[in-house]
Amino acid sequence: MTLRTSRSPIIALFATAAIIFAACGGAASAPPTTSPTVAPTVAPTEAPPYEGMAYPATGEAPCGVAPYTGNFKKVTAVDRLTVKFELCAPDVAFLSKVAFSAFGIQDSDYLTAHMADKSILDKANGTGPYMLDTWDKGNRLVFKAFDGYWGSKALTPNLEFRWSDQAAQRWIELQSGNVDGIDNPGTDDIAAIQADSSVKFYARPGLNTLYLGMNDTIAPWTDVRVRQAIAMGINREQIVKNYYPSGSEVATHFTPCAIPFACEGEDTWGFDATAAKKLLTDAGFDFSKTYKIQFRAAVRGYLPDPPVIATEISNQLKTNLGIKTTLDLQESGTFLDANAAGTLDGLFLLGWGADYPDVTNFLDYHFGAGSGKKFGAPFQDIVDALTKGGQSADDAVRKAAYTDANNLIKQHVPMVIIAHGGSGTVFKADVAGAHSSPLSNEVFSVMQAGSRDTLVWMQNAEPLSLYCGDESDGETLRACEQVNESLYAYTVGSTGVEPALATKCEASADLATWTCTLRDGVKFHDGADLDANDVVLSYAVQWDAANPLHVGRSGAFEYFPGLFGGFLNPPAS
């Protein structure tokens, strides 16, 4: 059994002393005689027992006791290759959640050495088919195949990420042969792309949502009548018809209807400018002021042309409702951090793409107990409905819960639901294994770039970091997914889940305890062996807001509370 003795200095010292003692033959030998020298018998030494970590180290999380709202009770390294997750309540979507890239497993020694000073943000150390080579900030991110990978080796030895927020520029780079594949081609370019035999378009279904958000703790969005009026005053059909590609649709619910239980309950507000104006008048809305529409330039499947669509919404608010607005374009990281902190004070244009194919991914993250301050404080009646839906495997219970949740979202209007955008990828025709993923998590290790030894990919924006436990940006997550792996993974180009670093995770009958068996012989890129303590610490630093390693890039760690209900030792509101 291989043991990384760096995990315990005491054990390491004990093991070293035992080896020295054995090498010296134990006790002092007798004086030499005329008899032939016989080497002393050395008893075989055994590796010290594995020291499995538990978190919390003693006791367990205070389930149901304020201010704790999370669903994790305890995580334990039962032995070197076994991890047990004990939950406060059942979680029907547990496997889909742990497959997500934000929960990629880090080496515990590396995490301890590189998290506090944030060097882990630029120096990734994973178990994936590619490992980081160089990151030329502002220009390119270069990976190379990991020779020690436990699974199928990367088909192309080198992988390079480039980026541009202009769809036309990405298409030019592909046409010129400078890159092998691009993300999100422009709506106006798709017809030309499909007619070009040198490239191939791979459609991506619209498992995403564009919305116009409002923080209900900041006036004038504090008045539900104002929020309802904004929802009724935007002609969503016109936006989708004029600016979205084929395969897109006007959103009726926050979660795309292809996902089970997504579209239970009433459709969102329809376009009715007359009724909307009356609501604003009744609310005493101040039409003399100019309000901001805050957004970022990053192109996404849900937002194919950010400045143009932001301008369209601004024009509609003026024409339909008499509301004056100004466009406030922000840097992507700054915008996302402000959204997480609840400090965006205008209308804000943002969206969401599916991370895993369950309604909890859309609704819990945005409106559940651990959803944070994106739209102000979570609405408790929505939280209660989502909690009921997420804890039951009974279809009838889930349907009733999500009917309630969707109706309450319509009533409270934390945001205006606009569109589910169709999108896709485009690759050179000679790239074997090219694909798009409905989850936007394309796997480049299964692609062969013709006869070349480097596959060059151009996406919409530069990654924000290479530690994705504290990221929510899709471009960043895609980069992490090439380097890091989770206990489970999504099947290539699909939404199913399959074992990855775990060979299996088995649930108790009540779905409140999950026991995962790790794959033996997995190496991190720095040569360290994967073991159960790596899993425990990888989750602990996200779960516990008081953990000294709970720092990340921004410190928001949005996904953990969003998907698992809340932090251990949550910070004061």
Protein backbone atom coordinates (compact mmCIF):
# COMPACT_ATOMS: atom_id res chain seq x y z
CA MET A 1 0.00 0.00 0.00
CA THR A 2 1.44 3.34 -1.01
CA LEU A 3 1.32 6.03 1.66
CA ARG A 4 2.23 9.65 1.24
CA THR A 5 4.08 10.13 4.49
CA SER A 6 3.89 13.91 4.09
CA ARG A 7 0.32 13.66 5.38
CA SER A 8 1.59 13.01 8.91
CA PRO A 9 5.06 14.13 10.04
CA ILE A 10 4.75 11.88 13.12
CA ILE A 11 3.97 8.81 11.05
CA ALA A 12 6.72 9.73 8.60
CA LEU A 13 9.26 10.03 11.43
CA PHE A 14 8.06 6.73 12.92
CA ALA A 15 8.35 4.99 9.56
CA THR A 16 11.81 6.42 8.90
CA ALA A 17 13.02 5.36 12.33
CA ALA A 18 11.68 1.86 11.82
CA ILE A 19 13.49 1.57 8.49
CA ILE A 20 16.78 2.76 9.99
CA PHE A 21 16.33 0.42 12.94
CA ALA A 22 15.66 -2.53 10.65
CA ALA A 23 18.55 -1.66 8.37
CA CYS A 24 20.88 -1.72 11.36
CA GLY A 25 19.66 -5.16 12.31
CA GLY A 26 17.80 -4.18 15.47
CA ALA A 27 19.84 -4.80 18.64
CA ALA A 28 23.67 -4.76 18.68
CA SER A 29 25.24 -7.95 17.22
CA ALA A 30 27.71 -10.26 19.04
CA PRO A 31 31.47 -9.87 18.56
CA PRO A 32 32.75 -11.51 15.38
CA THR A 33 34.01 -15.10 15.53
CA THR A 34 35.94 -17.32 13.13
CA SER A 35 32.60 -18.58 11.81
CA PRO A 36 31.41 -17.23 8.43
CA THR A 37 29.50 -14.00 8.71
CA VAL A 38 25.76 -14.46 8.45
CA ALA A 39 23.56 -11.49 7.67
CA PRO A 40 21.05 -10.85 10.46
CA THR A 41 17.44 -11.68 9.71
CA VAL A 42 15.42 -8.50 9.13
CA ALA A 43 11.75 -8.69 9.96
CA PRO A 44 9.58 -7.20 7.19
CA THR A 45 8.13 -3.82 8.04
CA GLU A 46 4.52 -2.87 7.45
CA ALA A 47 3.30 0.48 6.28
CA PRO A 48 1.68 2.42 9.10
CA PRO A 49 -2.11 2.37 9.11
CA TYR A 50 -3.86 4.92 6.94
CA GLU A 51 -4.93 8.02 8.84
CA GLY A 52 -8.33 8.85 7.41
CA MET A 53 -9.61 12.39 7.81
CA ALA A 54 -13.13 13.27 8.92
CA TYR A 55 -14.81 16.65 8.56
CA PRO A 56 -15.82 17.99 11.00
CA ALA A 57 -13.03 16.23 12.87
CA THR A 58 -15.32 15.64 15.83
CA GLY A 59 -19.08 15.63 15.89
CA GLU A 60 -21.08 16.66 12.85
CA ALA A 61 -22.69 19.70 11.27
CA PRO A 62 -25.74 21.05 13.18
CA CYS A 63 -28.43 20.03 10.70
CA GLY A 64 -31.46 22.29 10.86
CA VAL A 65 -29.98 24.55 13.54
CA ALA A 66 -29.71 28.22 12.49
CA PRO A 67 -27.69 29.74 10.99
CA TYR A 68 -26.69 26.46 9.30
CA THR A 69 -28.86 25.75 6.25
CA GLY A 70 -26.62 23.20 4.53
CA ASN A 71 -27.29 19.56 3.73
CA PHE A 72 -23.83 18.16 4.51
CA LYS A 73 -23.57 16.50 7.92
CA LYS A 74 -20.16 14.84 7.77
CA VAL A 75 -17.58 13.65 5.23
CA THR A 76 -15.27 10.80 6.26
CA ALA A 77 -12.31 9.00 4.74
CA VAL A 78 -13.29 5.50 5.88
CA ASP A 79 -10.09 4.06 4.46
CA ARG A 80 -7.60 4.93 1.74
CA LEU A 81 -10.10 4.36 -1.07
CA THR A 82 -13.47 4.89 0.61
CA VAL A 83 -15.27 8.16 1.32
CA LYS A 84 -18.62 8.45 3.11
CA PHE A 85 -20.89 11.48 2.69
CA GLU A 86 -23.53 11.81 5.41
CA LEU A 87 -26.30 14.28 4.57
CA CYS A 88 -28.90 16.02 6.69
CA ALA A 89 -31.64 15.03 4.26
CA PRO A 90 -31.94 12.90 1.12
CA ASP A 91 -30.49 14.27 -2.12
CA VAL A 92 -31.93 12.69 -5.25
CA ALA A 93 -29.47 14.58 -7.49
CA PHE A 94 -26.32 13.79 -5.51
CA LEU A 95 -24.46 11.98 -8.30
CA SER A 96 -25.20 14.70 -10.84
CA LYS A 97 -23.95 17.31 -8.39
CA VAL A 98 -20.66 15.59 -7.47
CA ALA A 99 -19.96 15.10 -11.18
CA PHE A 100 -19.84 18.85 -11.67
CA SER A 101 -16.44 20.43 -12.35
CA ALA A 102 -16.62 22.84 -9.39
CA PHE A 103 -16.19 19.75 -7.24
CA GLY A 104 -13.01 18.54 -8.93
CA ILE A 105 -10.75 16.69 -6.50
CA GLN A 106 -7.51 18.35 -5.45
CA ASP A 107 -4.46 16.72 -3.87
CA SER A 108 -4.72 17.60 -0.17
CA ASP A 109 -1.00 18.32 0.21
CA TYR A 110 -1.00 20.55 -2.87
CA LEU A 111 -4.18 22.27 -1.74
CA THR A 112 -2.65 23.00 1.67
CA ALA A 113 0.56 24.34 0.13
CA HIS A 114 -0.99 26.48 -2.63
CA MET A 115 -4.43 27.66 -1.55
CA ALA A 116 -3.63 30.16 1.21
CA ASP A 117 -1.38 32.26 -1.06
CA LYS A 118 -3.77 31.72 -4.01
CA SER A 119 -1.01 30.32 -6.22
CA ILE A 120 -3.38 27.42 -6.98
CA LEU A 121 -5.38 29.83 -9.14
CA ASP A 122 -2.63 29.80 -11.78
CA LYS A 123 -0.88 26.49 -11.03
CA ALA A 124 -3.38 23.69 -11.50
CA ASN A 125 -2.54 20.16 -10.35
CA GLY A 126 -5.21 17.67 -11.31
CA THR A 127 -5.66 14.07 -12.40
CA GLY A 128 -7.10 14.79 -15.86
CA PRO A 129 -5.92 13.77 -19.34
CA TYR A 130 -4.28 17.19 -19.85
CA MET A 131 -1.99 19.08 -17.51
CA LEU A 132 -1.10 22.74 -17.48
CA ASP A 133 1.93 23.74 -19.52
CA THR A 134 1.91 27.55 -19.67
CA TRP A 135 -0.59 30.35 -19.23
CA ASP A 136 0.34 33.48 -21.14
CA LYS A 137 -2.19 35.80 -19.52
CA GLY A 138 -4.21 37.74 -22.06
CA ASN A 139 -3.09 35.55 -24.98
CA ARG A 140 -3.30 31.80 -24.60
CA LEU A 141 -3.54 28.87 -22.22
CA VAL A 142 -1.50 25.78 -23.17
CA PHE A 143 -1.96 22.22 -21.93
CA LYS A 144 -0.02 19.05 -22.67
CA ALA A 145 -1.13 15.42 -22.42
CA PHE A 146 -0.51 13.77 -19.04
CA ASP A 147 1.53 10.61 -19.61
CA GLY A 148 0.47 9.13 -16.28
CA TYR A 149 -3.26 9.45 -16.89
CA TRP A 150 -5.27 6.54 -15.48
CA GLY A 151 -7.80 6.43 -18.33
CA SER A 152 -7.72 6.78 -22.11
CA LYS A 153 -4.85 9.06 -23.09
CA ALA A 154 -5.48 12.35 -24.90
CA LEU A 155 -5.57 11.76 -28.68
CA THR A 156 -3.87 15.08 -29.47
CA PRO A 157 -0.63 15.67 -27.52
CA ASN A 158 -1.16 19.40 -26.99
CA LEU A 159 -4.20 21.59 -26.39
CA GLU A 160 -4.33 25.38 -26.63
CA PHE A 161 -7.10 27.75 -25.54
CA ARG A 162 -7.48 31.19 -27.14
CA TRP A 163 -10.37 33.62 -26.83
CA SER A 164 -12.29 36.51 -28.36
CA ASP A 165 -15.60 38.03 -27.32
CA GLN A 166 -16.39 38.75 -30.99
CA ALA A 167 -18.18 35.93 -32.82
CA ALA A 168 -17.05 37.29 -36.18
CA GLN A 169 -13.41 37.21 -35.07
CA ARG A 170 -13.68 33.61 -33.91
CA TRP A 171 -15.12 32.61 -37.30
CA ILE A 172 -12.32 34.46 -39.13
CA GLU A 173 -9.70 32.64 -37.06
CA LEU A 174 -11.27 29.29 -37.94
CA GLN A 175 -11.53 30.14 -41.63
CA SER A 176 -7.89 31.21 -41.72
CA GLY A 177 -6.75 27.93 -40.15
CA ASN A 178 -5.35 29.55 -37.00
CA VAL A 179 -7.65 27.52 -34.76
CA ASP A 180 -9.31 24.09 -34.99
CA GLY A 181 -12.57 24.84 -33.24
CA ILE A 182 -14.67 27.73 -31.97
CA ASP A 183 -17.55 28.19 -29.56
CA ASN A 184 -20.85 30.02 -30.13
CA PRO A 185 -20.69 31.13 -33.77
CA GLY A 186 -22.62 34.31 -34.49
CA THR A 187 -26.27 34.01 -35.46
CA ASP A 188 -25.57 35.70 -38.81
CA ASP A 189 -22.65 33.33 -39.57
CA ILE A 190 -24.36 29.98 -39.06
CA ALA A 191 -25.81 29.71 -42.58
CA ALA A 192 -22.37 30.33 -44.14
CA ILE A 193 -20.79 27.85 -41.73
CA GLN A 194 -23.26 25.12 -42.62
CA ALA A 195 -22.59 25.68 -46.33
CA ASP A 196 -18.78 25.42 -45.90
CA SER A 197 -17.52 21.85 -46.40
CA SER A 198 -14.19 22.58 -44.71
CA VAL A 199 -15.88 22.95 -41.32
CA LYS A 200 -18.68 21.24 -39.41
CA PHE A 201 -21.29 22.81 -37.15
CA TYR A 202 -22.36 20.91 -34.03
CA ALA A 203 -25.65 22.20 -32.62
CA ARG A 204 -26.06 22.58 -28.87
CA PRO A 205 -29.59 22.43 -27.42
CA GLY A 206 -30.83 25.43 -25.46
CA LEU A 207 -30.36 24.11 -21.92
CA ASN A 208 -29.82 27.64 -20.68
CA THR A 209 -31.73 30.74 -19.63
CA LEU A 210 -31.24 34.47 -20.19
CA TYR A 211 -32.78 36.70 -17.55
CA LEU A 212 -32.92 40.35 -16.50
CA GLY A 213 -32.28 40.42 -12.77
CA MET A 214 -33.25 42.84 -10.00
CA ASN A 215 -32.05 43.04 -6.38
CA ASP A 216 -35.17 43.42 -4.24
CA THR A 217 -33.22 45.11 -1.44
CA ILE A 218 -32.35 48.08 -3.68
CA ALA A 219 -34.99 50.67 -4.71
CA PRO A 220 -36.97 50.83 -6.93
CA TRP A 221 -36.77 47.01 -7.30
CA THR A 222 -38.00 46.63 -3.71
CA ASP A 223 -41.60 46.98 -4.91
CA VAL A 224 -43.00 43.78 -6.40
CA ARG A 225 -45.28 45.85 -8.64
CA VAL A 226 -42.22 47.39 -10.28
CA ARG A 227 -40.68 43.97 -10.82
CA GLN A 228 -43.91 42.62 -12.29
CA ALA A 229 -44.20 45.64 -14.57
CA ILE A 230 -40.67 45.11 -15.92
CA ALA A 231 -41.58 41.48 -16.64
CA MET A 232 -44.76 42.49 -18.48
CA GLY A 233 -43.15 45.38 -20.36
CA ILE A 234 -40.54 43.41 -22.34
CA ASN A 235 -41.52 41.79 -25.62
CA ARG A 236 -39.51 38.59 -25.33
CA GLU A 237 -40.81 37.12 -28.57
CA GLN A 238 -39.37 40.07 -30.47
CA ILE A 239 -35.95 39.59 -28.88
CA VAL A 240 -35.75 35.89 -29.69
CA LYS A 241 -37.05 36.35 -33.24
CA ASN A 242 -34.60 39.13 -34.10
CA TYR A 243 -31.39 38.13 -32.31
CA TYR A 244 -31.32 34.39 -31.60
CA PRO A 245 -30.34 31.48 -33.88
CA SER A 246 -32.49 28.54 -34.88
CA GLY A 247 -33.14 26.20 -31.98
CA SER A 248 -33.81 29.03 -29.53
CA GLU A 249 -37.13 29.65 -27.83
CA VAL A 250 -38.94 32.18 -25.67
CA ALA A 251 -38.69 31.06 -22.06
CA THR A 252 -41.90 30.27 -20.18
CA HIS A 253 -40.13 29.06 -17.02
CA PHE A 254 -36.71 29.64 -15.53
CA THR A 255 -35.58 26.06 -16.22
CA PRO A 256 -35.64 24.78 -19.83
CA CYS A 257 -38.62 22.48 -20.34
CA ALA A 258 -36.45 19.59 -21.60
CA ILE A 259 -35.41 19.02 -17.98
CA PRO A 260 -37.88 16.95 -15.90
CA PHE A 261 -40.22 18.97 -13.64
CA ALA A 262 -38.89 22.22 -15.14
CA CYS A 263 -42.13 23.65 -16.48
CA GLU A 264 -44.68 22.68 -13.87
CA GLY A 265 -46.95 25.52 -12.81
CA GLU A 266 -47.92 28.73 -14.58
CA ASP A 267 -46.05 30.34 -17.46
CA THR A 268 -44.24 33.55 -16.63
CA TRP A 269 -45.78 36.99 -17.30
CA GLY A 270 -46.78 37.72 -20.90
CA PHE A 271 -46.20 40.99 -22.72
CA ASP A 272 -48.79 43.63 -21.71
CA ALA A 273 -47.41 47.18 -21.82
CA THR A 274 -50.71 48.78 -20.79
CA ALA A 275 -51.06 46.73 -17.62
CA ALA A 276 -47.36 47.22 -16.89
CA LYS A 277 -47.62 51.02 -17.07
CA LYS A 278 -50.55 50.98 -14.64
CA LEU A 279 -48.53 48.91 -12.16
CA LEU A 280 -45.68 51.41 -12.34
CA THR A 281 -48.04 54.33 -11.81
CA ASP A 282 -49.71 52.60 -8.86
CA ALA A 283 -46.26 51.97 -7.37
CA GLY A 284 -45.29 55.64 -7.64
CA PHE A 285 -42.38 54.81 -9.94
CA ASP A 286 -40.00 57.72 -10.59
CA PHE A 287 -39.87 58.11 -14.38
CA SER A 288 -37.55 61.13 -14.14
CA LYS A 289 -34.55 59.02 -13.17
CA THR A 290 -32.26 57.04 -15.45
CA TYR A 291 -31.60 53.44 -14.39
CA LYS A 292 -28.69 51.18 -15.31
CA ILE A 293 -28.71 47.97 -17.33
CA GLN A 294 -25.57 46.20 -16.14
CA PHE A 295 -23.99 43.43 -18.22
CA ARG A 296 -20.73 41.95 -19.47
CA ALA A 297 -19.50 41.43 -23.02
CA ALA A 298 -19.00 37.67 -22.69
CA VAL A 299 -20.94 35.78 -25.36
CA ARG A 300 -22.88 32.76 -24.13
CA GLY A 301 -25.42 30.38 -25.61
CA TYR A 302 -28.06 32.27 -23.67
CA LEU A 303 -26.72 35.66 -24.80
CA PRO A 304 -25.38 35.58 -28.38
CA ASP A 305 -24.77 39.34 -28.70
CA PRO A 306 -24.65 41.11 -25.31
CA PRO A 307 -24.42 44.78 -26.39
CA VAL A 308 -27.09 44.42 -29.07
CA ILE A 309 -29.55 42.61 -26.80
CA ALA A 310 -28.88 45.01 -23.92
CA THR A 311 -29.60 47.89 -26.31
CA GLU A 312 -32.82 46.22 -27.47
CA ILE A 313 -34.03 45.84 -23.88
CA SER A 314 -33.12 49.46 -23.15
CA ASN A 315 -35.11 50.62 -26.19
CA GLN A 316 -38.10 48.48 -25.23
CA LEU A 317 -38.17 49.83 -21.68
CA LYS A 318 -38.22 53.38 -23.05
CA THR A 319 -40.80 52.70 -25.77
CA ASN A 320 -43.08 50.32 -23.89
CA LEU A 321 -42.89 51.70 -20.36
CA GLY A 322 -41.29 55.15 -20.49
CA ILE A 323 -38.32 53.99 -18.38
CA LYS A 324 -35.01 55.65 -19.23
CA THR A 325 -31.91 53.45 -18.95
CA THR A 326 -28.20 53.63 -19.64
CA LEU A 327 -25.94 50.69 -20.51
CA ASP A 328 -23.28 49.80 -17.95
CA LEU A 329 -20.78 47.37 -19.52
CA GLN A 330 -18.53 45.77 -16.88
CA GLU A 331 -15.49 43.50 -16.95
CA SER A 332 -16.63 39.89 -16.67
CA GLY A 333 -14.97 38.96 -13.37
CA THR A 334 -15.97 42.23 -11.74
CA PHE A 335 -19.56 41.76 -12.88
CA LEU A 336 -19.81 38.17 -11.62
CA ASP A 337 -18.24 39.05 -8.27
CA ALA A 338 -20.68 41.95 -7.82
CA ASN A 339 -23.57 39.65 -8.69
CA ALA A 340 -22.46 37.13 -6.06
CA ALA A 341 -22.05 39.90 -3.49
CA GLY A 342 -25.51 41.33 -4.25
CA THR A 343 -24.14 44.76 -5.13
CA LEU A 344 -25.47 45.15 -8.67
CA ASP A 345 -27.88 48.05 -8.19
CA GLY A 346 -29.43 48.29 -11.66
CA LEU A 347 -31.22 45.87 -13.90
CA PHE A 348 -28.65 43.21 -14.76
CA LEU A 349 -28.47 40.96 -17.79
CA LEU A 350 -27.16 37.51 -16.98
CA GLY A 351 -27.98 33.88 -17.62
CA TRP A 352 -27.35 30.29 -16.74
CA GLY A 353 -26.36 27.17 -18.62
CA ALA A 354 -27.07 23.67 -17.34
CA ASP A 355 -24.29 22.12 -15.27
CA TYR A 356 -26.23 18.91 -14.81
CA PRO A 357 -29.67 17.86 -16.08
CA ASP A 358 -31.82 18.36 -13.00
CA VAL A 359 -34.15 21.19 -12.03
CA THR A 360 -32.16 21.65 -8.79
CA ASN A 361 -29.26 23.00 -10.85
CA PHE A 362 -31.32 25.95 -12.10
CA LEU A 363 -33.68 26.63 -9.21
CA ASP A 364 -31.69 25.76 -6.08
CA TYR A 365 -28.63 27.70 -7.21
CA HIS A 366 -30.65 30.85 -7.87
CA PHE A 367 -33.53 30.69 -5.38
CA GLY A 368 -32.71 28.03 -2.76
CA ALA A 369 -31.52 28.36 0.82
CA GLY A 370 -27.89 28.76 -0.20
CA SER A 371 -28.48 30.95 -3.26
CA GLY A 372 -26.93 34.02 -1.68
CA LYS A 373 -27.63 37.67 -2.46
CA LYS A 374 -27.99 37.63 -6.24
CA PHE A 375 -31.56 38.96 -6.14
CA GLY A 376 -31.52 40.05 -2.50
CA ALA A 377 -32.50 37.71 0.32
CA PRO A 378 -34.00 34.37 -0.81
CA PHE A 379 -37.80 34.12 -0.55
CA GLN A 380 -38.55 31.61 2.19
CA ASP A 381 -41.67 30.20 0.51
CA ILE A 382 -39.63 29.42 -2.62
CA VAL A 383 -36.88 27.92 -0.45
CA ASP A 384 -39.38 25.63 1.30
CA ALA A 385 -40.83 24.38 -2.00
CA LEU A 386 -37.38 23.72 -3.45
CA THR A 387 -36.26 21.91 -0.32
CA LYS A 388 -39.24 19.58 -0.57
CA GLY A 389 -38.60 18.90 -4.26
CA GLY A 390 -34.88 18.27 -3.85
CA GLN A 391 -35.28 15.81 -0.99
CA SER A 392 -37.79 13.47 -2.59
CA ALA A 393 -37.40 10.72 -5.17
CA ASP A 394 -41.20 10.51 -5.51
CA ASP A 395 -42.24 12.00 -8.87
CA ALA A 396 -45.63 13.14 -7.55
CA VAL A 397 -44.00 14.98 -4.64
CA ARG A 398 -41.44 16.61 -6.90
CA LYS A 399 -44.09 17.69 -9.40
CA ALA A 400 -46.18 19.35 -6.69
CA ALA A 401 -43.12 21.04 -5.15
CA TYR A 402 -41.89 22.49 -8.43
CA THR A 403 -45.38 23.62 -9.37
CA ASP A 404 -45.40 25.65 -6.17
CA ALA A 405 -41.85 26.90 -6.72
CA ASN A 406 -42.48 28.09 -10.28
CA ASN A 407 -45.73 29.82 -9.32
CA LEU A 408 -43.96 31.62 -6.48
CA ILE A 409 -41.10 32.67 -8.75
CA LYS A 410 -43.68 34.20 -11.08
CA GLN A 411 -45.37 35.95 -8.14
CA HIS A 412 -42.20 37.40 -6.60
CA VAL A 413 -40.42 38.15 -9.92
CA PRO A 414 -36.81 38.19 -8.75
CA MET A 415 -35.92 38.36 -12.45
CA VAL A 416 -37.48 38.53 -15.91
CA ILE A 417 -37.19 35.23 -17.77
CA ILE A 418 -36.36 35.91 -21.43
CA ALA A 419 -34.94 33.11 -23.58
CA HIS A 420 -33.43 29.66 -23.93
CA GLY A 421 -30.74 30.12 -26.58
CA GLY A 422 -29.69 27.56 -29.15
CA SER A 423 -25.94 27.59 -29.88
CA GLY A 424 -23.17 25.30 -31.01
CA THR A 425 -19.53 24.68 -31.77
CA VAL A 426 -17.71 24.66 -35.11
CA PHE A 427 -14.64 22.55 -35.90
CA LYS A 428 -12.50 21.89 -38.92
CA ALA A 429 -13.95 18.97 -40.81
CA ASP A 430 -10.81 16.87 -40.20
CA VAL A 431 -11.06 17.02 -36.36
CA ALA A 432 -12.11 13.52 -35.39
CA GLY A 433 -14.24 13.21 -32.27
CA ALA A 434 -15.38 16.85 -32.43
CA HIS A 435 -18.67 17.55 -30.70
CA SER A 436 -20.71 20.03 -28.74
CA SER A 437 -22.05 19.31 -25.29
CA PRO A 438 -25.48 20.30 -23.99
CA LEU A 439 -23.66 21.19 -20.77
CA SER A 440 -20.95 23.21 -22.60
CA ASN A 441 -18.28 20.91 -21.18
CA GLU A 442 -16.65 19.71 -24.38
CA VAL A 443 -14.00 17.02 -23.81
CA PHE A 444 -10.96 17.80 -25.95
CA SER A 445 -8.98 14.70 -25.00
CA VAL A 446 -11.24 12.58 -27.27
CA MET A 447 -10.54 14.81 -30.30
CA GLN A 448 -7.78 14.23 -32.84
CA ALA A 449 -6.68 17.39 -34.67
CA GLY A 450 -6.08 15.90 -38.10
CA SER A 451 -2.36 15.19 -38.46
CA ARG A 452 -1.35 18.02 -36.13
CA ASP A 453 -0.02 17.62 -32.60
CA THR A 454 -1.90 20.63 -31.19
CA LEU A 455 -5.63 21.24 -31.03
CA VAL A 456 -6.37 24.98 -30.85
CA TRP A 457 -9.72 26.00 -29.37
CA MET A 458 -11.11 29.54 -29.37
CA GLN A 459 -13.81 30.39 -26.86
CA ASN A 460 -15.55 33.58 -25.81
CA ALA A 461 -13.37 34.73 -22.92
CA GLU A 462 -10.21 34.05 -20.96
CA PRO A 463 -10.59 31.84 -17.87
CA LEU A 464 -10.62 33.72 -14.58
CA SER A 465 -8.53 31.09 -12.78
CA LEU A 466 -7.73 27.37 -12.80
CA TYR A 467 -9.26 26.62 -9.40
CA CYS A 468 -12.94 26.13 -10.11
CA GLY A 469 -14.22 25.46 -6.61
CA ASP A 470 -14.64 29.23 -6.41
CA GLU A 471 -15.78 29.99 -9.96
CA SER A 472 -19.11 30.08 -11.77
CA ASP A 473 -17.97 31.31 -15.21
CA GLY A 474 -18.48 28.80 -18.01
CA GLU A 475 -15.26 29.65 -19.86
CA THR A 476 -13.32 29.11 -16.65
CA LEU A 477 -15.06 25.84 -15.86
CA ARG A 478 -14.29 24.46 -19.33
CA ALA A 479 -10.56 25.05 -18.78
CA CYS A 480 -10.64 23.34 -15.39
CA GLU A 481 -12.45 20.36 -16.88
CA GLN A 482 -9.45 19.47 -19.02
CA VAL A 483 -7.17 19.27 -15.96
CA ASN A 484 -9.29 18.31 -12.96
CA GLU A 485 -11.73 15.45 -12.42
CA SER A 486 -14.59 14.81 -10.04
CA LEU A 487 -15.85 11.63 -8.44
CA TYR A 488 -18.29 11.19 -11.32
CA ALA A 489 -18.31 12.69 -14.82
CA TYR A 490 -20.86 13.56 -17.46
CA THR A 491 -20.74 11.27 -20.47
CA VAL A 492 -19.10 12.88 -23.50
CA GLY A 493 -21.54 15.08 -25.41
CA SER A 494 -24.44 14.05 -23.19
CA THR A 495 -26.09 14.69 -19.82
CA GLY A 496 -25.71 11.25 -18.26
CA VAL A 497 -23.29 10.57 -15.41
CA GLU A 498 -20.70 7.83 -15.07
CA PRO A 499 -17.95 6.97 -12.58
CA ALA A 500 -14.69 8.90 -12.88
CA LEU A 501 -12.35 9.15 -9.88
CA ALA A 502 -14.82 6.96 -8.03
CA THR A 503 -15.61 3.52 -9.39
CA LYS A 504 -19.00 3.74 -7.70
CA CYS A 505 -21.00 5.77 -5.19
CA GLU A 506 -23.73 3.79 -3.45
CA ALA A 507 -26.67 5.35 -1.62
CA SER A 508 -28.42 4.23 1.52
CA ALA A 509 -32.08 3.37 1.16
CA ASP A 510 -33.10 6.89 2.22
CA LEU A 511 -30.58 8.65 -0.10
CA ALA A 512 -29.06 10.43 2.93
CA THR A 513 -25.74 8.55 3.00
CA TRP A 514 -23.53 8.05 -0.04
CA THR A 515 -20.43 5.84 0.10
CA CYS A 516 -17.93 6.25 -2.71
CA THR A 517 -15.15 3.81 -3.66
CA LEU A 518 -12.16 5.51 -5.27
CA ARG A 519 -10.27 4.26 -8.29
CA ASP A 520 -6.91 2.79 -7.22
CA GLY A 521 -3.66 3.89 -8.87
CA VAL A 522 -4.77 7.39 -9.92
CA LYS A 523 -1.93 9.92 -10.01
CA PHE A 524 -2.02 13.68 -9.78
CA HIS A 525 0.07 15.59 -12.28
CA ASP A 526 2.79 16.16 -9.66
CA GLY A 527 3.04 12.40 -9.03
CA ALA A 528 1.02 12.22 -5.82
CA ASP A 529 -1.46 9.37 -5.36
CA LEU A 530 -5.19 9.96 -5.09
CA ASP A 531 -6.69 8.90 -1.76
CA ALA A 532 -9.77 9.52 0.35
CA ASN A 533 -8.27 12.42 2.31
CA ASP A 534 -7.96 14.35 -0.96
CA VAL A 535 -11.72 14.05 -1.41
CA VAL A 536 -12.51 15.09 2.15
CA LEU A 537 -10.33 18.21 2.07
CA SER A 538 -11.46 19.18 -1.45
CA TYR A 539 -15.02 19.35 -0.16
CA ALA A 540 -14.17 20.74 3.27
CA VAL A 541 -12.50 23.91 2.00
CA GLN A 542 -15.63 24.76 0.02
CA TRP A 543 -18.11 23.67 2.67
CA ASP A 544 -16.61 25.39 5.73
CA ALA A 545 -16.52 29.17 5.45
CA ALA A 546 -14.24 29.25 8.53
CA ASN A 547 -11.65 26.89 7.06
CA PRO A 548 -8.35 28.78 6.61
CA LEU A 549 -8.16 27.44 3.03
CA HIS A 550 -11.61 28.82 2.14
CA VAL A 551 -10.15 31.65 0.08
CA GLY A 552 -10.25 30.89 -3.66
CA ARG A 553 -10.24 33.82 -6.11
CA SER A 554 -13.17 35.88 -4.82
CA GLY A 555 -14.06 33.80 -1.77
CA ALA A 556 -17.70 33.53 -2.89
CA PHE A 557 -17.68 29.74 -3.49
CA GLU A 558 -21.16 30.10 -4.99
CA TYR A 559 -21.71 26.55 -6.16
CA PHE A 560 -21.37 24.76 -2.83
CA PRO A 561 -24.16 26.60 -0.98
CA GLY A 562 -26.12 26.89 -4.20
CA LEU A 563 -26.25 23.13 -4.70
CA PHE A 564 -25.82 21.81 -1.16
CA GLY A 565 -27.84 24.35 0.80
CA GLY A 566 -25.31 26.43 2.72
CA PHE A 567 -21.88 26.78 4.29
CA LEU A 568 -20.71 25.29 7.54
CA ASN A 569 -19.89 28.24 9.85
CA PRO A 570 -21.61 30.68 7.47
CA PRO A 571 -20.40 34.26 7.55
CA ALA A 572 -22.67 36.79 9.21
CA SER A 573 -25.17 38.37 6.86
